[in-house]
All heavy atoms as atom14 arrays in JSON, in Angstrom:
{
  "sequence": "FGGLAVLELARSGAPLAAVASFHGLLTTAA",
  "atom14_mask": [
    [1, 1, 1, 1, 1, 1, 1, 1, 1, 1, 1, 0, 0, 0],
    [1, 1, 1, 1, 0, 0, 0, 0, 0, 0, 0, 0, 0, 0],
    [1, 1, 1, 1, 0, 0, 0, 0, 0, 0, 0, 0, 0, 0],
    [1, 1, 1, 1, 1, 1, 1, 1, 0, 0, 0, 0, 0, 0],
    [1, 1, 1, 1, 1, 0, 0, 0, 0, 0, 0, 0, 0, 0],
    [1, 1, 1, 1, 1, 1, 1, 0, 0, 0, 0, 0, 0, 0],
    [1, 1, 1, 1, 1, 1, 1, 1, 0, 0, 0, 0, 0, 0],
    [1, 1, 1, 1, 1, 1, 1, 1, 1, 0, 0, 0, 0, 0],
    [1, 1, 1, 1, 1, 1, 1, 1, 0, 0, 0, 0, 0, 0],
    [1, 1, 1, 1, 1, 0, 0, 0, 0, 0, 0, 0, 0, 0],
    [1, 1, 1, 1, 1, 1, 1, 1, 1, 1, 1, 0, 0, 0],
    [1, 1, 1, 1, 1, 1, 0, 0, 0, 0, 0, 0, 0, 0],
    [1, 1, 1, 1, 0, 0, 0, 0, 0, 0, 0, 0, 0, 0],
    [1, 1, 1, 1, 1, 0, 0, 0, 0, 0, 0, 0, 0, 0],
    [1, 1, 1, 1, 1, 1, 1, 0, 0, 0, 0, 0, 0, 0],
    [1, 1, 1, 1, 1, 1, 1, 1, 0, 0, 0, 0, 0, 0],
    [1, 1, 1, 1, 1, 0, 0, 0, 0, 0, 0, 0, 0, 0],
    [1, 1, 1, 1, 1, 0, 0, 0, 0, 0, 0, 0, 0, 0],
    [1, 1, 1, 1, 1, 1, 1, 0, 0, 0, 0, 0, 0, 0],
    [1, 1, 1, 1, 1, 0, 0, 0, 0, 0, 0, 0, 0, 0],
    [1, 1, 1, 1, 1, 1, 0, 0, 0, 0, 0, 0, 0, 0],
    [1, 1, 1, 1, 1, 1, 1, 1, 1, 1, 1, 0, 0, 0],
    [1, 1, 1, 1, 1, 1, 1, 1, 1, 1, 0, 0, 0, 0],
    [1, 1, 1, 1, 0, 0, 0, 0, 0, 0, 0, 0, 0, 0],
    [1, 1, 1, 1, 1, 1, 1, 1, 0, 0, 0, 0, 0, 0],
    [1, 1, 1, 1, 1, 1, 1, 1, 0, 0, 0, 0, 0, 0],
    [1, 1, 1, 1, 1, 1, 1, 0, 0, 0, 0, 0, 0, 0],
    [1, 1, 1, 1, 1, 1, 1, 0, 0, 0, 0, 0, 0, 0],
    [1, 1, 1, 1, 1, 0, 0, 0, 0, 0, 0, 0, 0, 0],
    [1, 1, 1, 1, 1, 0, 0, 0, 0, 0, 0, 0, 0, 0]
  ],
  "atom14_positions": [
    [[9.42, 65.86, -11.03], [8.12, 65.73, -11.68], [7.37, 67.06, -11.67], [6.74, 67.45, -12.65], [7.31, 64.64, -10.99], [5.84, 64.69, -11.29], [5.37, 64.4, -12.56], [4.93, 65.02, -10.29], [4.0, 64.45, -12.84], [3.57, 65.05, -10.56], [3.11, 64.78, -11.83], [0.0, 0.0, 0.0], [0.0, 0.0, 0.0], [0.0, 0.0, 0.0]],
    [[7.46, 67.77, -10.54], [6.8, 69.07, -10.45], [7.36, 70.08, -11.42], [6.64, 70.97, -11.9], [0.0, 0.0, 0.0], [0.0, 0.0, 0.0], [0.0, 0.0, 0.0], [0.0, 0.0, 0.0], [0.0, 0.0, 0.0], [0.0, 0.0, 0.0], [0.0, 0.0, 0.0], [0.0, 0.0, 0.0], [0.0, 0.0, 0.0], [0.0, 0.0, 0.0]],
    [[8.67, 69.96, -11.72], [9.26, 70.85, -12.73], [8.66, 70.63, -14.09], [8.37, 71.57, -14.83], [0.0, 0.0, 0.0], [0.0, 0.0, 0.0], [0.0, 0.0, 0.0], [0.0, 0.0, 0.0], [0.0, 0.0, 0.0], [0.0, 0.0, 0.0], [0.0, 0.0, 0.0], [0.0, 0.0, 0.0], [0.0, 0.0, 0.0], [0.0, 0.0, 0.0]],
    [[8.48, 69.36, -14.45], [7.78, 69.03, -15.69], [6.36, 69.58, -15.67], [5.88, 70.16, -16.66], [7.75, 67.51, -15.89], [6.8, 66.98, -16.96], [7.24, 67.4, -18.35], [6.69, 65.46, -16.87], [0.0, 0.0, 0.0], [0.0, 0.0, 0.0], [0.0, 0.0, 0.0], [0.0, 0.0, 0.0], [0.0, 0.0, 0.0], [0.0, 0.0, 0.0]],
    [[5.68, 69.42, -14.53], [4.28, 69.84, -14.44], [4.11, 71.33, -14.67], [3.19, 71.77, -15.38], [3.71, 69.44, -13.06], [0.0, 0.0, 0.0], [0.0, 0.0, 0.0], [0.0, 0.0, 0.0], [0.0, 0.0, 0.0], [0.0, 0.0, 0.0], [0.0, 0.0, 0.0], [0.0, 0.0, 0.0], [0.0, 0.0, 0.0], [0.0, 0.0, 0.0]],
    [[4.99, 72.16, -14.09], [4.82, 73.6, -14.29], [5.18, 74.03, -15.7], [4.6, 75.0, -16.22], [5.59, 74.41, -13.23], [5.11, 74.05, -11.83], [7.09, 74.27, -13.35], [0.0, 0.0, 0.0], [0.0, 0.0, 0.0], [0.0, 0.0, 0.0], [0.0, 0.0, 0.0], [0.0, 0.0, 0.0], [0.0, 0.0, 0.0], [0.0, 0.0, 0.0]],
    [[6.1, 73.31, -16.35], [6.36, 73.6, -17.76], [5.14, 73.28, -18.61], [4.81, 74.02, -19.55], [7.58, 72.83, -18.25], [8.93, 73.26, -17.68], [10.04, 72.36, -18.21], [9.24, 74.73, -18.01], [0.0, 0.0, 0.0], [0.0, 0.0, 0.0], [0.0, 0.0, 0.0], [0.0, 0.0, 0.0], [0.0, 0.0, 0.0], [0.0, 0.0, 0.0]],
    [[4.46, 72.19, -18.29], [3.24, 71.86, -19.02], [2.15, 72.89, -18.75], [1.35, 73.22, -19.64], [2.75, 70.46, -18.65], [3.65, 69.33, -19.14], [3.66, 69.17, -20.66], [2.98, 69.94, -21.38], [4.35, 68.25, -21.15], [0.0, 0.0, 0.0], [0.0, 0.0, 0.0], [0.0, 0.0, 0.0], [0.0, 0.0, 0.0], [0.0, 0.0, 0.0]],
    [[2.12, 73.43, -17.54], [1.17, 74.5, -17.23], [1.43, 75.7, -18.12], [0.5, 76.3, -18.68], [1.3, 74.89, -15.76], [0.36, 75.97, -15.24], [-1.09, 75.52, -15.28], [0.74, 76.37, -13.81], [0.0, 0.0, 0.0], [0.0, 0.0, 0.0], [0.0, 0.0, 0.0], [0.0, 0.0, 0.0], [0.0, 0.0, 0.0], [0.0, 0.0, 0.0]],
    [[2.69, 76.06, -18.28], [3.02, 77.18, -19.18], [2.65, 76.86, -20.61], [2.09, 77.7, -21.32], [4.51, 77.5, -19.07], [0.0, 0.0, 0.0], [0.0, 0.0, 0.0], [0.0, 0.0, 0.0], [0.0, 0.0, 0.0], [0.0, 0.0, 0.0], [0.0, 0.0, 0.0], [0.0, 0.0, 0.0], [0.0, 0.0, 0.0], [0.0, 0.0, 0.0]],
    [[2.98, 75.64, -21.06], [2.66, 75.25, -22.43], [1.16, 75.31, -22.71], [0.74, 75.53, -23.85], [3.17, 73.84, -22.7], [4.69, 73.72, -22.79], [5.11, 72.28, -22.91], [6.55, 72.15, -23.18], [7.42, 71.5, -22.4], [6.99, 70.9, -21.29], [8.7, 71.46, -22.72], [0.0, 0.0, 0.0], [0.0, 0.0, 0.0], [0.0, 0.0, 0.0]],
    [[0.35, 75.11, -21.68], [-1.1, 75.12, -21.85], [-1.66, 76.52, -22.07], [-2.84, 76.68, -22.39], [-1.78, 74.49, -20.63], [-1.75, 75.37, -19.51], [0.0, 0.0, 0.0], [0.0, 0.0, 0.0], [0.0, 0.0, 0.0], [0.0, 0.0, 0.0], [0.0, 0.0, 0.0], [0.0, 0.0, 0.0], [0.0, 0.0, 0.0], [0.0, 0.0, 0.0]],
    [[-0.83, 77.54, -21.86], [-1.3, 78.91, -22.02], [-1.93, 79.5, -20.77], [-2.63, 80.51, -20.85], [0.0, 0.0, 0.0], [0.0, 0.0, 0.0], [0.0, 0.0, 0.0], [0.0, 0.0, 0.0], [0.0, 0.0, 0.0], [0.0, 0.0, 0.0], [0.0, 0.0, 0.0], [0.0, 0.0, 0.0], [0.0, 0.0, 0.0], [0.0, 0.0, 0.0]],
    [[-1.67, 78.89, -19.61], [-2.28, 79.38, -18.36], [-1.88, 80.83, -18.1], [-0.74, 81.23, -18.35], [-1.83, 78.5, -17.2], [0.0, 0.0, 0.0], [0.0, 0.0, 0.0], [0.0, 0.0, 0.0], [0.0, 0.0, 0.0], [0.0, 0.0, 0.0], [0.0, 0.0, 0.0], [0.0, 0.0, 0.0], [0.0, 0.0, 0.0], [0.0, 0.0, 0.0]],
    [[-2.83, 81.64, -17.59], [-2.58, 83.07, -17.39], [-1.91, 83.36, -16.05], [-2.55, 83.84, -15.11], [-3.99, 83.66, -17.45], [-4.85, 82.57, -16.85], [-4.22, 81.27, -17.29], [0.0, 0.0, 0.0], [0.0, 0.0, 0.0], [0.0, 0.0, 0.0], [0.0, 0.0, 0.0], [0.0, 0.0, 0.0], [0.0, 0.0, 0.0], [0.0, 0.0, 0.0]],
    [[-0.63, 83.1, -15.94], [0.1, 83.43, -14.73], [1.39, 84.14, -15.12], [1.78, 84.13, -16.29], [0.38, 82.2, -13.86], [1.38, 81.15, -14.3], [1.65, 80.17, -13.16], [0.94, 80.39, -15.53], [0.0, 0.0, 0.0], [0.0, 0.0, 0.0], [0.0, 0.0, 0.0], [0.0, 0.0, 0.0], [0.0, 0.0, 0.0], [0.0, 0.0, 0.0]],
    [[2.05, 84.75, -14.13], [3.2, 85.58, -14.46], [4.41, 84.78, -14.89], [5.13, 85.17, -15.81], [3.56, 86.47, -13.26], [0.0, 0.0, 0.0], [0.0, 0.0, 0.0], [0.0, 0.0, 0.0], [0.0, 0.0, 0.0], [0.0, 0.0, 0.0], [0.0, 0.0, 0.0], [0.0, 0.0, 0.0], [0.0, 0.0, 0.0], [0.0, 0.0, 0.0]],
    [[4.66, 83.64, -14.22], [5.92, 82.94, -14.46], [5.83, 81.51, -13.96], [5.04, 81.18, -13.07], [7.07, 83.66, -13.75], [0.0, 0.0, 0.0], [0.0, 0.0, 0.0], [0.0, 0.0, 0.0], [0.0, 0.0, 0.0], [0.0, 0.0, 0.0], [0.0, 0.0, 0.0], [0.0, 0.0, 0.0], [0.0, 0.0, 0.0], [0.0, 0.0, 0.0]],
    [[6.69, 80.65, -14.52], [6.91, 79.31, -14.0], [8.41, 79.07, -13.92], [9.18, 79.59, -14.72], [6.24, 78.2, -14.84], [4.75, 78.45, -15.0], [6.91, 78.04, -16.2], [0.0, 0.0, 0.0], [0.0, 0.0, 0.0], [0.0, 0.0, 0.0], [0.0, 0.0, 0.0], [0.0, 0.0, 0.0], [0.0, 0.0, 0.0], [0.0, 0.0, 0.0]],
    [[8.82, 78.26, -12.94], [10.23, 77.91, -12.78], [10.33, 76.41, -12.49], [9.69, 75.91, -11.57], [10.87, 78.71, -11.65], [0.0, 0.0, 0.0], [0.0, 0.0, 0.0], [0.0, 0.0, 0.0], [0.0, 0.0, 0.0], [0.0, 0.0, 0.0], [0.0, 0.0, 0.0], [0.0, 0.0, 0.0], [0.0, 0.0, 0.0], [0.0, 0.0, 0.0]],
    [[11.13, 75.74, -13.28], [11.3, 74.29, -13.18], [12.69, 73.97, -12.65], [13.69, 74.39, -13.23], [11.11, 73.65, -14.57], [11.52, 72.3, -14.55], [0.0, 0.0, 0.0], [0.0, 0.0, 0.0], [0.0, 0.0, 0.0], [0.0, 0.0, 0.0], [0.0, 0.0, 0.0], [0.0, 0.0, 0.0], [0.0, 0.0, 0.0], [0.0, 0.0, 0.0]],
    [[12.74, 73.22, -11.54], [14.0, 72.76, -10.98], [14.18, 71.28, -11.31], [13.36, 70.45, -10.91], [14.02, 72.94, -9.46], [14.0, 74.38, -9.01], [12.79, 75.04, -8.83], [15.18, 75.05, -8.75], [12.77, 76.36, -8.4], [15.17, 76.37, -8.32], [13.96, 77.03, -8.14], [0.0, 0.0, 0.0], [0.0, 0.0, 0.0], [0.0, 0.0, 0.0]],
    [[15.25, 70.96, -12.03], [15.6, 69.61, -12.47], [14.38, 68.79, -12.92], [14.22, 67.63, -12.6], [16.43, 68.84, -11.44], [15.98, 68.98, -10.01], [14.92, 68.28, -9.48], [16.48, 69.74, -9.0], [14.8, 68.6, -8.21], [15.72, 69.47, -7.89], [0.0, 0.0, 0.0], [0.0, 0.0, 0.0], [0.0, 0.0, 0.0], [0.0, 0.0, 0.0]],
    [[13.51, 69.45, -13.69], [12.37, 68.76, -14.29], [12.71, 68.27, -15.69], [13.61, 68.8, -16.34], [0.0, 0.0, 0.0], [0.0, 0.0, 0.0], [0.0, 0.0, 0.0], [0.0, 0.0, 0.0], [0.0, 0.0, 0.0], [0.0, 0.0, 0.0], [0.0, 0.0, 0.0], [0.0, 0.0, 0.0], [0.0, 0.0, 0.0], [0.0, 0.0, 0.0]],
    [[11.97, 67.27, -16.16], [12.13, 66.85, -17.55], [11.7, 68.0, -18.46], [10.71, 68.69, -18.18], [11.29, 65.61, -17.82], [11.6, 64.37, -16.98], [10.75, 63.18, -17.45], [13.07, 64.03, -17.0], [0.0, 0.0, 0.0], [0.0, 0.0, 0.0], [0.0, 0.0, 0.0], [0.0, 0.0, 0.0], [0.0, 0.0, 0.0], [0.0, 0.0, 0.0]],
    [[12.4, 68.18, -19.55], [12.19, 69.35, -20.4], [11.4, 69.07, -21.66], [10.94, 70.01, -22.32], [13.55, 69.96, -20.78], [14.41, 70.46, -19.62], [15.72, 71.03, -20.16], [13.68, 71.51, -18.79], [0.0, 0.0, 0.0], [0.0, 0.0, 0.0], [0.0, 0.0, 0.0], [0.0, 0.0, 0.0], [0.0, 0.0, 0.0], [0.0, 0.0, 0.0]],
    [[11.27, 67.81, -22.03], [10.56, 67.48, -23.27], [9.11, 67.15, -23.0], [8.7, 66.87, -21.87], [11.24, 66.3, -23.98], [11.28, 65.17, -23.09], [12.64, 66.66, -24.41], [0.0, 0.0, 0.0], [0.0, 0.0, 0.0], [0.0, 0.0, 0.0], [0.0, 0.0, 0.0], [0.0, 0.0, 0.0], [0.0, 0.0, 0.0], [0.0, 0.0, 0.0]],
    [[8.3, 67.18, -24.05], [6.87, 66.99, -23.93], [6.32, 66.29, -25.16], [6.9, 66.39, -26.25], [6.16, 68.35, -23.75], [4.73, 68.15, -23.66], [6.45, 69.28, -24.93], [0.0, 0.0, 0.0], [0.0, 0.0, 0.0], [0.0, 0.0, 0.0], [0.0, 0.0, 0.0], [0.0, 0.0, 0.0], [0.0, 0.0, 0.0], [0.0, 0.0, 0.0]],
    [[5.18, 65.62, -24.97], [4.5, 65.01, -26.11], [3.65, 66.02, -26.87], [3.18, 65.73, -27.97], [3.61, 63.86, -25.61], [0.0, 0.0, 0.0], [0.0, 0.0, 0.0], [0.0, 0.0, 0.0], [0.0, 0.0, 0.0], [0.0, 0.0, 0.0], [0.0, 0.0, 0.0], [0.0, 0.0, 0.0], [0.0, 0.0, 0.0], [0.0, 0.0, 0.0]],
    [[3.46, 67.21, -26.28], [2.62, 68.23, -26.91], [3.34, 69.58, -26.85], [3.04, 70.4, -25.98], [1.27, 68.3, -26.2], [0.0, 0.0, 0.0], [0.0, 0.0, 0.0], [0.0, 0.0, 0.0], [0.0, 0.0, 0.0], [0.0, 0.0, 0.0], [0.0, 0.0, 0.0], [0.0, 0.0, 0.0], [0.0, 0.0, 0.0], [0.0, 0.0, 0.0]]
  ]
}
């Protein structure tokens, strides 16, 4: 779940250097 969460953080345009998702869901509604 946390892997999905950090991908959504990246998709939101958050200003951080990097995100890494371990066995997170890869698809999104947005």
